[in-house]
Amino acid sequence: MTATDEGEHPGTPRRKHRHDLGHEDHGPKVAAGTTRAIQALLGLWIALTLVLMLYALVDSARPRVPAPGAEAPATHR
């Protein structure tokens, strides 16, 4: 028998579990807000990382044009 079956008695209606009632799976209700905040921070971190990677890819693909008045680099013979 499982723990929930042992706590229920024959002839009584089955108790609904917290999952059936739509409650959080584990932890106090205060932790629910903290979990959402952590998920938001992680999502923001991932989004900013993707933006930074896209910027680095675009920047590395740009052709380099020397500044006006600057000499071209000398080539070795």
C-alpha atoms as a PDB file:
ATOM      1  CA  MET A   1       0.000   0.000   0.000  1.00  0.00           C
ATOM      2  CA  THR A   2       1.117   3.537  -0.601  1.00  0.00           C
ATOM      3  CA  ALA A   3       1.252   6.190   2.091  1.00  0.00           C
ATOM      4  CA  THR A   4      -1.922   7.870   0.817  1.00  0.00           C
ATOM      5  CA  ASP A   5      -3.864   4.606   0.854  1.00  0.00           C
ATOM      6  CA  GLU A   6      -2.792   3.892   4.431  1.00  0.00           C
ATOM      7  CA  GLY A   7      -4.081   7.272   5.638  1.00  0.00           C
ATOM      8  CA  GLU A   8      -7.525   6.783   4.119  1.00  0.00           C
ATOM      9  CA  HIS A   9     -10.207   4.692   5.720  1.00  0.00           C
ATOM     10  CA  PRO A  10     -12.762   2.467   3.970  1.00  0.00           C
ATOM     11  CA  GLY A  11     -16.138   4.075   3.515  1.00  0.00           C
ATOM     12  CA  THR A  12     -14.845   7.657   3.614  1.00  0.00           C
ATOM     13  CA  PRO A  13     -14.487   9.799   0.504  1.00  0.00           C
ATOM     14  CA  ARG A  14     -11.008   9.889  -0.951  1.00  0.00           C
ATOM     15  CA  ARG A  15      -9.064  13.015  -0.038  1.00  0.00           C
ATOM     16  CA  LYS A  16      -7.853  15.184  -2.854  1.00  0.00           C
ATOM     17  CA  HIS A  17      -4.140  15.624  -3.041  1.00  0.00           C
ATOM     18  CA  ARG A  18      -2.424  18.996  -3.298  1.00  0.00           C
ATOM     19  CA  HIS A  19      -1.689  18.288  -6.974  1.00  0.00           C
ATOM     20  CA  ASP A  20      -5.407  17.865  -7.662  1.00  0.00           C
ATOM     21  CA  LEU A  21      -6.219  21.144  -5.928  1.00  0.00           C
ATOM     22  CA  GLY A  22      -3.735  23.179  -7.984  1.00  0.00           C
ATOM     23  CA  HIS A  23      -1.323  23.896  -5.143  1.00  0.00           C
ATOM     24  CA  GLU A  24       2.447  24.131  -5.466  1.00  0.00           C
ATOM     25  CA  ASP A  25       4.175  20.771  -5.534  1.00  0.00           C
ATOM     26  CA  HIS A  26       6.712  21.407  -2.800  1.00  0.00           C
ATOM     27  CA  GLY A  27       7.767  24.122  -0.382  1.00  0.00           C
ATOM     28  CA  PRO A  28       5.890  26.949   1.294  1.00  0.00           C
ATOM     29  CA  LYS A  29       3.829  29.463  -0.616  1.00  0.00           C
ATOM     30  CA  VAL A  30       6.508  32.132  -0.049  1.00  0.00           C
ATOM     31  CA  ALA A  31       8.933  30.074  -2.149  1.00  0.00           C
ATOM     32  CA  ALA A  32       6.627  30.286  -5.169  1.00  0.00           C
ATOM     33  CA  GLY A  33       7.412  33.980  -5.685  1.00  0.00           C
ATOM     34  CA  THR A  34      11.106  33.356  -5.204  1.00  0.00           C
ATOM     35  CA  THR A  35      11.035  30.570  -7.777  1.00  0.00           C
ATOM     36  CA  ARG A  36       9.311  32.845 -10.303  1.00  0.00           C
ATOM     37  CA  ALA A  37      11.882  35.590  -9.651  1.00  0.00           C
ATOM     38  CA  ILE A  38      14.756  33.156 -10.164  1.00  0.00           C
ATOM     39  CA  GLN A  39      13.174  31.910 -13.393  1.00  0.00           C
ATOM     40  CA  ALA A  40      12.768  35.502 -14.590  1.00  0.00           C
ATOM     41  CA  LEU A  41      16.414  36.285 -13.816  1.00  0.00           C
ATOM     42  CA  LEU A  42      17.599  33.159 -15.600  1.00  0.00           C
ATOM     43  CA  GLY A  43      15.419  33.989 -18.620  1.00  0.00           C
ATOM     44  CA  LEU A  44      16.816  37.529 -18.713  1.00  0.00           C
ATOM     45  CA  TRP A  45      20.356  36.173 -18.434  1.00  0.00           C
ATOM     46  CA  ILE A  46      19.780  33.785 -21.338  1.00  0.00           C
ATOM     47  CA  ALA A  47      18.198  36.521 -23.480  1.00  0.00           C
ATOM     48  CA  LEU A  48      21.048  38.964 -22.808  1.00  0.00           C
ATOM     49  CA  THR A  49      23.613  36.252 -23.581  1.00  0.00           C
ATOM     50  CA  LEU A  50      21.930  35.561 -26.926  1.00  0.00           C
ATOM     51  CA  VAL A  51      21.880  39.292 -27.750  1.00  0.00           C
ATOM     52  CA  LEU A  52      25.573  39.607 -26.841  1.00  0.00           C
ATOM     53  CA  MET A  53      26.447  36.580 -28.979  1.00  0.00           C
ATOM     54  CA  LEU A  54      24.496  38.000 -31.926  1.00  0.00           C
ATOM     55  CA  TYR A  55      26.284  41.352 -31.530  1.00  0.00           C
ATOM     56  CA  ALA A  56      29.684  39.615 -31.410  1.00  0.00           C
ATOM     57  CA  LEU A  57      28.887  37.625 -34.576  1.00  0.00           C
ATOM     58  CA  VAL A  58      27.734  40.711 -36.471  1.00  0.00           C
ATOM     59  CA  ASP A  59      30.690  42.766 -35.239  1.00  0.00           C
ATOM     60  CA  SER A  60      33.212  40.099 -36.226  1.00  0.00           C
ATOM     61  CA  ALA A  61      31.727  39.857 -39.744  1.00  0.00           C
ATOM     62  CA  ARG A  62      31.970  43.617 -40.377  1.00  0.00           C
ATOM     63  CA  PRO A  63      34.806  44.657 -42.692  1.00  0.00           C
ATOM     64  CA  ARG A  64      37.484  46.744 -41.007  1.00  0.00           C
ATOM     65  CA  VAL A  65      38.069  50.126 -42.629  1.00  0.00           C
ATOM     66  CA  PRO A  66      41.166  52.051 -41.513  1.00  0.00           C
ATOM     67  CA  ALA A  67      40.535  55.432 -39.972  1.00  0.00           C
ATOM     68  CA  PRO A  68      41.170  58.456 -42.227  1.00  0.00           C
ATOM     69  CA  GLY A  69      44.783  59.599 -42.014  1.00  0.00           C
ATOM     70  CA  ALA A  70      46.021  56.291 -40.600  1.00  0.00           C
ATOM     71  CA  GLU A  71      48.725  54.472 -42.499  1.00  0.00           C
ATOM     72  CA  ALA A  72      48.170  50.994 -43.828  1.00  0.00           C
ATOM     73  CA  PRO A  73      50.083  48.371 -41.882  1.00  0.00           C
ATOM     74  CA  ALA A  74      53.494  47.580 -43.324  1.00  0.00           C
ATOM     75  CA  THR A  75      53.873  44.142 -44.868  1.00  0.00           C
ATOM     76  CA  HIS A  76      56.916  42.012 -44.196  1.00  0.00           C
ATOM     77  CA  ARG A  77      59.002  40.769 -47.100  1.00  0.00           C
END
